[in-house]
Amino acid sequence: MRTFVRTSLAFAFAATLAPALAADNWSQPQAPIHLYGNSYYVGSAGLSSVLIDSGDGLVLLDGTLPKNAPMIEAHIRALGFRLEDVKYILNSHAHFDHAGGIAALARDTAATVVVSASGAQALRAGRAVADDPQAAFKDAGFPPVTTPIREIADGEALRLGNVAITAHFTPGHTPGSTTWTWRSCEKQRCLDFVYGDSINAISAPGFHFLADQTHGDLVPRIRQSIATLAALPCDILVPVHPDSIGLDRKLARIAGGEAKPDSLVDTHACRDYAAQFTRVLDQRIAREKAEAAAKR
């Protein structure tokens, strides 16, 4: 089993941060990078955003922080594309660090936003839905999306040009969490991309994944989501937090000419990602059980 750059516990803690305490690298510039075929990294050093060229328009995955929207737009232009050619903006989950820039990006591109039904509710409201484990964070809002939103079903493929991007619902981190997959080809070689949503069991203080007075046991749902992601065809994994698997360091080396994009290919990455956050979930459940036992 590979050991990722950050330990599971350290990353899980960092990912719980509210906006005022957001990680420094979430807005740190990262040069846009051609990943493979029709796919490009246009996010920051610490938050992923991917651009896909369908041949008949562009698809953007995630908007990261509100203040990062101009950076993403500059990256799209730097790659030689036009903002008005972005036809769809897809979201992994509706938290400020992945959905915060979507309102501005959708306004500037006139793109349709595509998201799960729960995600659509959160994007319209500009904050996490009530049953989100992080809903109790008071400063976790983001600009609401007022432009057109299209809801997508689990397993449904969004088609544009020569690309089909499939939604795989992976709830747990949020009720509407979605992992996206597509194939990207160069010459005779095609690779499976996975834009992996967060599958870590983290929450605002006081929330429990085990059954409590407000909800049933959420653990089977997040375990199924982890299993879903682990089973996907996966040649290149781009998680929404690139530092969760050391992708940030790989991208920096590629940008600096110290590595080639082929270094991103790892057919074990999705399984390793799933195993990492299975450990996080197991530790979280053990802690919740211990806390419950101490109150008896």
C-alpha atoms as a PDB file:
ATOM      1  CA  MET A   1       0.000   0.000   0.000  1.00  0.00           C
ATOM      2  CA  ARG A   2       1.377   3.379  -0.965  1.00  0.00           C
ATOM      3  CA  THR A   3       1.926   6.032   1.712  1.00  0.00           C
ATOM      4  CA  PHE A   4       0.563   9.434   0.695  1.00  0.00           C
ATOM      5  CA  VAL A   5       2.420  12.679   1.328  1.00  0.00           C
ATOM      6  CA  ARG A   6       0.084  13.667   4.146  1.00  0.00           C
ATOM      7  CA  THR A   7      -1.176  11.306   6.803  1.00  0.00           C
ATOM      8  CA  SER A   8      -4.892  10.608   6.790  1.00  0.00           C
ATOM      9  CA  LEU A   9      -5.439  12.327  10.114  1.00  0.00           C
ATOM     10  CA  ALA A  10      -3.517  15.461   9.166  1.00  0.00           C
ATOM     11  CA  PHE A  11      -5.440  15.861   5.932  1.00  0.00           C
ATOM     12  CA  ALA A  12      -8.790  15.186   7.596  1.00  0.00           C
ATOM     13  CA  PHE A  13      -8.054  17.954  10.104  1.00  0.00           C
ATOM     14  CA  ALA A  14      -7.002  20.421   7.412  1.00  0.00           C
ATOM     15  CA  ALA A  15     -10.148  19.732   5.410  1.00  0.00           C
ATOM     16  CA  THR A  16     -12.418  20.736   8.312  1.00  0.00           C
ATOM     17  CA  LEU A  17     -11.167  24.314   8.325  1.00  0.00           C
ATOM     18  CA  ALA A  18     -13.739  27.072   8.030  1.00  0.00           C
ATOM     19  CA  PRO A  19     -13.091  29.892   5.510  1.00  0.00           C
ATOM     20  CA  ALA A  20     -11.293  32.127   7.994  1.00  0.00           C
ATOM     21  CA  LEU A  21      -8.752  29.366   8.601  1.00  0.00           C
ATOM     22  CA  ALA A  22      -8.487  28.002   5.059  1.00  0.00           C
ATOM     23  CA  ALA A  23      -5.218  26.368   4.117  1.00  0.00           C
ATOM     24  CA  ASP A  24      -2.621  28.750   2.669  1.00  0.00           C
ATOM     25  CA  ASN A  25      -2.214  26.785  -0.557  1.00  0.00           C
ATOM     26  CA  TRP A  26      -5.921  26.949  -1.423  1.00  0.00           C
ATOM     27  CA  SER A  27      -5.342  30.246  -3.211  1.00  0.00           C
ATOM     28  CA  GLN A  28      -1.656  29.789  -4.050  1.00  0.00           C
ATOM     29  CA  PRO A  29      -1.080  30.056  -7.814  1.00  0.00           C
ATOM     30  CA  GLN A  30      -0.361  26.899  -9.789  1.00  0.00           C
ATOM     31  CA  ALA A  31       0.511  27.162 -13.457  1.00  0.00           C
ATOM     32  CA  PRO A  32      -2.154  25.583 -15.695  1.00  0.00           C
ATOM     33  CA  ILE A  33      -1.025  22.161 -16.863  1.00  0.00           C
ATOM     34  CA  HIS A  34      -1.927  19.875 -19.740  1.00  0.00           C
ATOM     35  CA  LEU A  35      -2.713  16.612 -17.967  1.00  0.00           C
ATOM     36  CA  TYR A  36      -3.456  14.299 -20.877  1.00  0.00           C
ATOM     37  CA  GLY A  37      -5.426  14.393 -24.105  1.00  0.00           C
ATOM     38  CA  ASN A  38      -8.247  16.880 -23.779  1.00  0.00           C
ATOM     39  CA  SER A  39      -7.834  17.498 -20.017  1.00  0.00           C
ATOM     40  CA  TYR A  40      -6.109  20.369 -18.210  1.00  0.00           C
ATOM     41  CA  TYR A  41      -5.508  21.399 -14.598  1.00  0.00           C
ATOM     42  CA  VAL A  42      -6.636  24.996 -14.030  1.00  0.00           C
ATOM     43  CA  GLY A  43      -7.005  25.130 -10.242  1.00  0.00           C
ATOM     44  CA  SER A  44      -4.793  26.486  -7.498  1.00  0.00           C
ATOM     45  CA  ALA A  45      -1.967  24.638  -5.771  1.00  0.00           C
ATOM     46  CA  GLY A  46      -4.323  23.308  -3.109  1.00  0.00           C
ATOM     47  CA  LEU A  47      -7.748  23.103  -4.768  1.00  0.00           C
ATOM     48  CA  SER A  48      -8.456  21.254  -7.983  1.00  0.00           C
ATOM     49  CA  SER A  49     -10.288  22.516 -11.034  1.00  0.00           C
ATOM     50  CA  VAL A  50     -10.122  20.675 -14.359  1.00  0.00           C
ATOM     51  CA  LEU A  51     -10.941  21.866 -17.872  1.00  0.00           C
ATOM     52  CA  ILE A  52     -12.031  19.399 -20.575  1.00  0.00           C
ATOM     53  CA  ASP A  53     -12.048  20.295 -24.265  1.00  0.00           C
ATOM     54  CA  SER A  54     -14.845  18.320 -25.925  1.00  0.00           C
ATOM     55  CA  GLY A  55     -14.094  19.597 -29.424  1.00  0.00           C
ATOM     56  CA  ASP A  56     -17.486  21.318 -29.321  1.00  0.00           C
ATOM     57  CA  GLY A  57     -17.067  23.449 -26.219  1.00  0.00           C
ATOM     58  CA  LEU A  58     -15.431  23.259 -22.810  1.00  0.00           C
ATOM     59  CA  VAL A  59     -16.438  21.665 -19.513  1.00  0.00           C
ATOM     60  CA  LEU A  60     -15.080  23.002 -16.224  1.00  0.00           C
ATOM     61  CA  LEU A  61     -15.058  20.974 -13.030  1.00  0.00           C
ATOM     62  CA  ASP A  62     -15.309  23.029  -9.813  1.00  0.00           C
ATOM     63  CA  GLY A  63     -14.767  26.701  -9.081  1.00  0.00           C
ATOM     64  CA  THR A  64     -12.686  26.467  -5.863  1.00  0.00           C
ATOM     65  CA  LEU A  65     -12.757  29.597  -3.644  1.00  0.00           C
ATOM     66  CA  PRO A  66     -14.718  32.749  -4.558  1.00  0.00           C
ATOM     67  CA  LYS A  67     -11.493  34.747  -4.818  1.00  0.00           C
ATOM     68  CA  ASN A  68      -9.956  32.113  -7.121  1.00  0.00           C
ATOM     69  CA  ALA A  69     -12.435  32.650  -9.975  1.00  0.00           C
ATOM     70  CA  PRO A  70     -10.232  35.250 -11.744  1.00  0.00           C
ATOM     71  CA  MET A  71      -7.264  32.881 -11.430  1.00  0.00           C
ATOM     72  CA  ILE A  72      -9.193  30.038 -13.054  1.00  0.00           C
ATOM     73  CA  GLU A  73     -10.353  32.351 -15.845  1.00  0.00           C
ATOM     74  CA  ALA A  74      -6.769  33.489 -16.429  1.00  0.00           C
ATOM     75  CA  HIS A  75      -5.637  29.855 -16.581  1.00  0.00           C
ATOM     76  CA  ILE A  76      -8.301  29.043 -19.190  1.00  0.00           C
ATOM     77  CA  ARG A  77      -7.149  31.954 -21.326  1.00  0.00           C
ATOM     78  CA  ALA A  78      -3.462  31.084 -20.832  1.00  0.00           C
ATOM     79  CA  LEU A  79      -4.159  27.656 -22.331  1.00  0.00           C
ATOM     80  CA  GLY A  80      -5.515  29.358 -25.455  1.00  0.00           C
ATOM     81  CA  PHE A  81      -9.221  28.820 -24.758  1.00  0.00           C
ATOM     82  CA  ARG A  82     -12.046  31.352 -24.596  1.00  0.00           C
ATOM     83  CA  LEU A  83     -14.289  31.788 -21.564  1.00  0.00           C
ATOM     84  CA  GLU A  84     -17.379  31.932 -23.766  1.00  0.00           C
ATOM     85  CA  ASP A  85     -16.615  28.391 -24.962  1.00  0.00           C
ATOM     86  CA  VAL A  86     -17.221  26.962 -21.471  1.00  0.00           C
ATOM     87  CA  LYS A  87     -20.632  25.311 -21.868  1.00  0.00           C
ATOM     88  CA  TYR A  88     -20.937  23.460 -18.553  1.00  0.00           C
ATOM     89  CA  ILE A  89     -19.563  23.880 -15.032  1.00  0.00           C
ATOM     90  CA  LEU A  90     -19.715  20.728 -12.922  1.00  0.00           C
ATOM     91  CA  ASN A  91     -19.446  20.656  -9.127  1.00  0.00           C
ATOM     92  CA  SER A  92     -18.089  17.938  -6.864  1.00  0.00           C
ATOM     93  CA  HIS A  93     -19.742  19.212  -3.682  1.00  0.00           C
ATOM     94  CA  ALA A  94     -21.247  22.456  -2.499  1.00  0.00           C
ATOM     95  CA  HIS A  95     -18.754  23.743   0.049  1.00  0.00           C
ATOM     96  CA  PHE A  96     -17.112  27.155  -0.151  1.00  0.00           C
ATOM     97  CA  ASP A  97     -13.742  25.708  -1.208  1.00  0.00           C
ATOM     98  CA  HIS A  98     -15.087  23.895  -4.283  1.00  0.00           C
ATOM     99  CA  ALA A  99     -18.269  25.784  -5.174  1.00  0.00           C
ATOM    100  CA  GLY A 100     -17.331  29.292  -4.043  1.00  0.00           C
ATOM    101  CA  GLY A 101     -16.143  30.492  -7.446  1.00  0.00           C
ATOM    102  CA  ILE A 102     -18.952  28.921  -9.466  1.00  0.00           C
ATOM    103  CA  ALA A 103     -21.349  31.900  -9.344  1.00  0.00           C
ATOM    104  CA  ALA A 104     -18.752  34.235 -10.884  1.00  0.00           C
ATOM    105  CA  LEU A 105     -17.522  31.663 -13.388  1.00  0.00           C
ATOM    106  CA  ALA A 106     -21.059  30.827 -14.515  1.00  0.00           C
ATOM    107  CA  ARG A 107     -21.848  34.521 -14.881  1.00  0.00           C
ATOM    108  CA  ASP A 108     -18.689  35.252 -16.880  1.00  0.00           C
ATOM    109  CA  THR A 109     -18.970  32.231 -19.176  1.00  0.00           C
ATOM    110  CA  ALA A 110     -22.780  31.921 -19.456  1.00  0.00           C
ATOM    111  CA  ALA A 111     -22.261  28.194 -18.796  1.00  0.00           C
ATOM    112  CA  THR A 112     -24.928  25.921 -17.328  1.00  0.00           C
ATOM    113  CA  VAL A 113     -24.034  24.532 -13.910  1.00  0.00           C
ATOM    114  CA  VAL A 114     -24.515  20.758 -13.541  1.00  0.00           C
ATOM    115  CA  VAL A 115     -24.813  19.165 -10.111  1.00  0.00           C
ATOM    116  CA  SER A 116     -26.732  16.635  -8.012  1.00  0.00           C
ATOM    117  CA  ALA A 117     -30.175  17.612  -6.675  1.00  0.00           C
ATOM    118  CA  SER A 118     -28.813  18.188  -3.166  1.00  0.00           C
ATOM    119  CA  GLY A 119     -25.902  20.140  -4.605  1.00  0.00           C
ATOM    120  CA  ALA A 120     -28.294  22.296  -6.607  1.00  0.00           C
ATOM    121  CA  GLN A 121     -30.200  23.182  -3.442  1.00  0.00           C
ATOM    122  CA  ALA A 122     -26.974  24.259  -1.748  1.00  0.00           C
ATOM    123  CA  LEU A 123     -25.691  26.225  -4.751  1.00  0.00           C
ATOM    124  CA  ARG A 124     -28.932  28.164  -4.997  1.00  0.00           C
ATOM    125  CA  ALA A 125     -28.865  28.924  -1.257  1.00  0.00           C
ATOM    126  CA  GLY A 126     -25.160  29.756  -1.118  1.00  0.00           C
ATOM    127  CA  ARG A 127     -24.454  27.460   1.804  1.00  0.00           C
ATOM    128  CA  ALA A 128     -24.444  23.813   2.860  1.00  0.00           C
ATOM    129  CA  VAL A 129     -27.804  22.031   3.084  1.00  0.00           C
ATOM    130  CA  ALA A 130     -29.217  21.285   6.532  1.00  0.00           C
ATOM    131  CA  ASP A 131     -28.206  17.597   6.528  1.00  0.00           C
ATOM    132  CA  ASP A 132     -24.607  18.326   5.504  1.00  0.00           C
ATOM    133  CA  PRO A 133     -22.139  17.215   8.228  1.00  0.00           C
ATOM    134  CA  GLN A 134     -20.524  20.675   8.024  1.00  0.00           C
ATOM    135  CA  ALA A 135     -23.757  22.704   7.950  1.00  0.00           C
ATOM    136  CA  ALA A 136     -23.149  24.056  11.467  1.00  0.00           C
ATOM    137  CA  PHE A 137     -20.126  26.077  10.365  1.00  0.00           C
ATOM    138  CA  LYS A 138     -21.558  29.601  10.484  1.00  0.00           C
ATOM    139  CA  ASP A 139     -19.011  31.223   8.145  1.00  0.00           C
ATOM    140  CA  ALA A 140     -19.039  28.551   5.434  1.00  0.00           C
ATOM    141  CA  GLY A 141     -21.346  30.354   2.999  1.00  0.00           C
ATOM    142  CA  PHE A 142     -20.444  31.284  -0.582  1.00  0.00           C
ATOM    143  CA  PRO A 143     -21.964  33.354  -3.411  1.00  0.00           C
ATOM    144  CA  PRO A 144     -25.220  31.692  -4.517  1.00  0.00           C
ATOM    145  CA  VAL A 145     -25.622  30.605  -8.115  1.00  0.00           C
ATOM    146  CA  THR A 146     -28.427  32.554  -9.788  1.00  0.00           C
ATOM    147  CA  THR A 147     -27.764  31.386 -13.354  1.00  0.00           C
ATOM    148  CA  PRO A 148     -29.240  28.164 -14.837  1.00  0.00           C
ATOM    149  CA  ILE A 149     -28.576  24.927 -12.944  1.00  0.00           C
ATOM    150  CA  ARG A 150     -29.162  21.469 -14.387  1.00  0.00           C
ATOM    151  CA  GLU A 151     -29.626  18.578 -11.984  1.00  0.00           C
ATOM    152  CA  ILE A 152     -28.034  15.277 -12.945  1.00  0.00           C
ATOM    153  CA  ALA A 153     -28.853  11.737 -11.822  1.00  0.00           C
ATOM    154  CA  ASP A 154     -26.504   9.135 -10.424  1.00  0.00           C
ATOM    155  CA  GLY A 155     -24.889   7.282 -13.323  1.00  0.00           C
ATOM    156  CA  GLU A 156     -26.054   9.828 -15.886  1.00  0.00           C
ATOM    157  CA  ALA A 157     -23.583  10.942 -18.540  1.00  0.00           C
ATOM    158  CA  LEU A 158     -23.285  14.568 -19.592  1.00  0.00           C
ATOM    159  CA  ARG A 159     -22.437  14.598 -23.308  1.00  0.00           C
ATOM    160  CA  LEU A 160     -20.768  17.383 -25.221  1.00  0.00           C
ATOM    161  CA  GLY A 161     -18.838  16.993 -28.453  1.00  0.00           C
ATOM    162  CA  ASN A 162     -16.695  13.875 -28.238  1.00  0.00           C
ATOM    163  CA  VAL A 163     -16.829  13.596 -24.422  1.00  0.00           C
ATOM    164  CA  ALA A 164     -19.170  11.807 -22.037  1.00  0.00           C
ATOM    165  CA  ILE A 165     -18.661  12.782 -18.390  1.00  0.00           C
ATOM    166  CA  THR A 166     -20.449  10.469 -15.961  1.00  0.00           C
ATOM    167  CA  ALA A 167     -21.743  11.423 -12.518  1.00  0.00           C
ATOM    168  CA  HIS A 168     -21.159   8.925  -9.717  1.00  0.00           C
ATOM    169  CA  PHE A 169     -22.882   9.922  -6.491  1.00  0.00           C
ATOM    170  CA  THR A 170     -20.532   9.457  -3.537  1.00  0.00           C
ATOM    171  CA  PRO A 171     -22.472  10.958  -0.581  1.00  0.00           C
ATOM    172  CA  GLY A 172     -21.067  11.151   2.911  1.00  0.00           C
ATOM    173  CA  HIS A 173     -18.794  14.155   2.958  1.00  0.00           C
ATOM    174  CA  THR A 174     -21.898  16.021   1.796  1.00  0.00           C
ATOM    175  CA  PRO A 175     -25.309  14.580   0.863  1.00  0.00           C
ATOM    176  CA  GLY A 176     -24.802  15.640  -2.766  1.00  0.00           C
ATOM    177  CA  SER A 177     -21.156  14.685  -3.257  1.00  0.00           C
ATOM    178  CA  THR A 178     -20.380  13.597  -6.813  1.00  0.00           C
ATOM    179  CA  THR A 179     -17.343  11.995  -8.410  1.00  0.00           C
ATOM    180  CA  TRP A 180     -16.977  12.506 -12.172  1.00  0.00           C
ATOM    181  CA  THR A 181     -15.332  10.220 -14.771  1.00  0.00           C
ATOM    182  CA  TRP A 182     -14.430  10.475 -18.457  1.00  0.00           C
ATOM    183  CA  ARG A 183     -11.987   9.018 -20.998  1.00  0.00           C
ATOM    184  CA  SER A 184      -9.248  11.073 -22.574  1.00  0.00           C
ATOM    185  CA  CYS A 185      -7.298   9.973 -25.636  1.00  0.00           C
ATOM    186  CA  GLU A 186      -4.014  10.845 -27.313  1.00  0.00           C
ATOM    187  CA  LYS A 187      -3.369   9.109 -30.623  1.00  0.00           C
ATOM    188  CA  GLN A 188      -4.180   5.437 -29.988  1.00  0.00           C
ATOM    189  CA  ARG A 189      -3.982   5.556 -26.183  1.00  0.00           C
ATOM    190  CA  CYS A 190      -7.048   6.310 -24.049  1.00  0.00           C
ATOM    191  CA  LEU A 191      -6.968   6.779 -20.272  1.00  0.00           C
ATOM    192  CA  ASP A 192      -9.698   6.834 -17.643  1.00  0.00           C
ATOM    193  CA  PHE A 193      -9.866  10.039 -15.600  1.00  0.00           C
ATOM    194  CA  VAL A 194     -11.481  10.182 -12.172  1.00  0.00           C
ATOM    195  CA  TYR A 195     -12.242  13.569 -10.629  1.00  0.00           C
ATOM    196  CA  GLY A 196     -12.529  12.204  -7.110  1.00  0.00           C
ATOM    197  CA  ASP A 197     -14.735  13.992  -4.635  1.00  0.00           C
ATOM    198  CA  SER A 198     -13.960  14.089  -0.922  1.00  0.00           C
ATOM    199  CA  ILE A 199     -14.844  10.831   0.822  1.00  0.00           C
ATOM    200  CA  ASN A 200     -13.556  11.790   4.260  1.00  0.00           C
ATOM    201  CA  ALA A 201     -15.814  11.631   7.293  1.00  0.00           C
ATOM    202  CA  ILE A 202     -15.391  15.096   8.755  1.00  0.00           C
ATOM    203  CA  SER A 203     -17.896  17.482  10.239  1.00  0.00           C
ATOM    204  CA  ALA A 204     -18.640  20.554  12.258  1.00  0.00           C
ATOM    205  CA  PRO A 205     -18.464  20.018  16.044  1.00  0.00           C
ATOM    206  CA  GLY A 206     -21.356  18.032  17.471  1.00  0.00           C
ATOM    207  CA  PHE A 207     -22.243  16.075  14.318  1.00  0.00           C
ATOM    208  CA  HIS A 208     -22.208  12.271  14.431  1.00  0.00           C
ATOM    209  CA  PHE A 209     -21.965   9.821  11.543  1.00  0.00           C
ATOM    210  CA  LEU A 210     -23.362   7.102  13.782  1.00  0.00           C
ATOM    211  CA  ALA A 211     -27.096   7.254  14.438  1.00  0.00           C
ATOM    212  CA  ASP A 212     -28.217   9.997  16.800  1.00  0.00           C
ATOM    213  CA  GLN A 213     -31.448  11.809  17.639  1.00  0.00           C
ATOM    214  CA  THR A 214     -31.444  13.679  14.306  1.00  0.00           C
ATOM    215  CA  HIS A 215     -30.652  10.939  11.772  1.00  0.00           C
ATOM    216  CA  GLY A 216     -29.968   7.261  11.242  1.00  0.00           C
ATOM    217  CA  ASP A 217     -26.610   5.547  10.783  1.00  0.00           C
ATOM    218  CA  LEU A 218     -24.719   7.316   7.978  1.00  0.00           C
ATOM    219  CA  VAL A 219     -21.738   4.975   8.048  1.00  0.00           C
ATOM    220  CA  PRO A 220     -23.053   2.459   5.457  1.00  0.00           C
ATOM    221  CA  ARG A 221     -23.668   5.314   3.014  1.00  0.00           C
ATOM    222  CA  ILE A 222     -20.141   6.678   3.198  1.00  0.00           C
ATOM    223  CA  ARG A 223     -18.652   3.160   3.098  1.00  0.00           C
ATOM    224  CA  GLN A 224     -20.598   2.515  -0.117  1.00  0.00           C
ATOM    225  CA  SER A 225     -19.317   5.798  -1.560  1.00  0.00           C
ATOM    226  CA  ILE A 226     -15.739   4.820  -0.758  1.00  0.00           C
ATOM    227  CA  ALA A 227     -16.309   1.439  -2.412  1.00  0.00           C
ATOM    228  CA  THR A 228     -17.855   3.102  -5.467  1.00  0.00           C
ATOM    229  CA  LEU A 229     -14.828   5.314  -5.991  1.00  0.00           C
ATOM    230  CA  ALA A 230     -12.402   2.444  -5.410  1.00  0.00           C
ATOM    231  CA  ALA A 231     -14.077   0.351  -8.126  1.00  0.00           C
ATOM    232  CA  LEU A 232     -14.011   2.978 -10.886  1.00  0.00           C
ATOM    233  CA  PRO A 233     -11.755   2.504 -13.932  1.00  0.00           C
ATOM    234  CA  CYS A 234      -8.926   4.778 -12.908  1.00  0.00           C
ATOM    235  CA  ASP A 235      -5.726   5.670 -14.731  1.00  0.00           C
ATOM    236  CA  ILE A 236      -5.413   9.283 -13.535  1.00  0.00           C
ATOM    237  CA  LEU A 237      -7.002  10.410 -10.279  1.00  0.00           C
ATOM    238  CA  VAL A 238      -7.487  14.129  -9.659  1.00  0.00           C
ATOM    239  CA  PRO A 239      -8.928  14.507  -6.147  1.00  0.00           C
ATOM    240  CA  VAL A 240     -10.630  17.774  -5.249  1.00  0.00           C
ATOM    241  CA  HIS A 241      -7.856  18.372  -2.693  1.00  0.00           C
ATOM    242  CA  PRO A 242      -4.713  17.523  -4.697  1.00  0.00           C
ATOM    243  CA  ASP A 243      -2.481  17.375  -1.616  1.00  0.00           C
ATOM    244  CA  SER A 244      -4.503  14.441  -0.279  1.00  0.00           C
ATOM    245  CA  ILE A 245      -2.479  12.153  -2.585  1.00  0.00           C
ATOM    246  CA  GLY A 246       0.566  14.303  -3.264  1.00  0.00           C
ATOM    247  CA  LEU A 247      -0.774  15.439  -6.631  1.00  0.00           C
ATOM    248  CA  ASP A 248       0.167  19.021  -5.762  1.00  0.00           C
ATOM    249  CA  ARG A 249       3.848  18.070  -5.683  1.00  0.00           C
ATOM    250  CA  LYS A 250       3.584  16.155  -8.948  1.00  0.00           C
ATOM    251  CA  LEU A 251       1.936  19.128 -10.653  1.00  0.00           C
ATOM    252  CA  ALA A 252       4.640  21.459  -9.347  1.00  0.00           C
ATOM    253  CA  ARG A 253       7.343  19.162 -10.756  1.00  0.00           C
ATOM    254  CA  ILE A 254       5.588  18.970 -14.123  1.00  0.00           C
ATOM    255  CA  ALA A 255       5.203  22.766 -14.222  1.00  0.00           C
ATOM    256  CA  GLY A 256       8.897  23.124 -13.413  1.00  0.00           C
ATOM    257  CA  GLY A 257       9.952  20.712 -16.141  1.00  0.00           C
ATOM    258  CA  GLU A 258      11.197  18.163 -13.605  1.00  0.00           C
ATOM    259  CA  ALA A 259       8.623  15.512 -14.525  1.00  0.00           C
ATOM    260  CA  LYS A 260       6.364  14.567 -17.419  1.00  0.00           C
ATOM    261  CA  PRO A 261       2.565  14.282 -17.344  1.00  0.00           C
ATOM    262  CA  ASP A 262       2.919  10.505 -17.675  1.00  0.00           C
ATOM    263  CA  SER A 263       4.003  10.546 -14.028  1.00  0.00           C
ATOM    264  CA  LEU A 264       0.331  11.145 -13.161  1.00  0.00           C
ATOM    265  CA  VAL A 265      -0.707   7.715 -14.412  1.00  0.00           C
ATOM    266  CA  ASP A 266      -1.319   5.407 -11.454  1.00  0.00           C
ATOM    267  CA  THR A 267      -3.829   2.590 -11.811  1.00  0.00           C
ATOM    268  CA  HIS A 268      -3.766   2.015  -8.033  1.00  0.00           C
ATOM    269  CA  ALA A 269      -4.578   5.626  -7.128  1.00  0.00           C
ATOM    270  CA  CYS A 270      -8.339   5.263  -6.649  1.00  0.00           C
ATOM    271  CA  ARG A 271      -7.990   2.144  -4.525  1.00  0.00           C
ATOM    272  CA  ASP A 272      -5.287   3.774  -2.430  1.00  0.00           C
ATOM    273  CA  TYR A 273      -7.400   6.926  -2.029  1.00  0.00           C
ATOM    274  CA  ALA A 274     -10.319   4.790  -0.856  1.00  0.00           C
ATOM    275  CA  ALA A 275      -8.134   2.847   1.570  1.00  0.00           C
ATOM    276  CA  GLN A 276      -6.765   6.094   3.013  1.00  0.00           C
ATOM    277  CA  PHE A 277     -10.208   7.429   3.836  1.00  0.00           C
ATOM    278  CA  THR A 278     -11.478   4.084   5.038  1.00  0.00           C
ATOM    279  CA  ARG A 279      -8.877   4.479   7.772  1.00  0.00           C
ATOM    280  CA  VAL A 280     -10.103   8.018   8.463  1.00  0.00           C
ATOM    281  CA  LEU A 281     -13.677   6.715   8.712  1.00  0.00           C
ATOM    282  CA  ASP A 282     -12.669   3.858  11.017  1.00  0.00           C
ATOM    283  CA  GLN A 283     -10.842   6.287  13.302  1.00  0.00           C
ATOM    284  CA  ARG A 284     -13.811   8.643  13.305  1.00  0.00           C
ATOM    285  CA  ILE A 285     -16.280   5.888  14.211  1.00  0.00           C
ATOM    286  CA  ALA A 286     -14.002   4.581  16.960  1.00  0.00           C
ATOM    287  CA  ARG A 287     -13.848   8.084  18.418  1.00  0.00           C
ATOM    288  CA  GLU A 288     -17.614   8.531  18.264  1.00  0.00           C
ATOM    289  CA  LYS A 289     -18.153   5.167  19.993  1.00  0.00           C
ATOM    290  CA  ALA A 290     -15.648   6.040  22.707  1.00  0.00           C
ATOM    291  CA  GLU A 291     -17.324   9.405  23.300  1.00  0.00           C
ATOM    292  CA  ALA A 292     -20.744   7.766  23.512  1.00  0.00           C
ATOM    293  CA  ALA A 293     -19.462   5.166  25.961  1.00  0.00           C
ATOM    294  CA  ALA A 294     -17.932   7.864  28.164  1.00  0.00           C
ATOM    295  CA  LYS A 295     -21.332   9.567  28.492  1.00  0.00           C
ATOM    296  CA  ARG A 296     -23.103   6.444  29.767  1.00  0.00           C
END
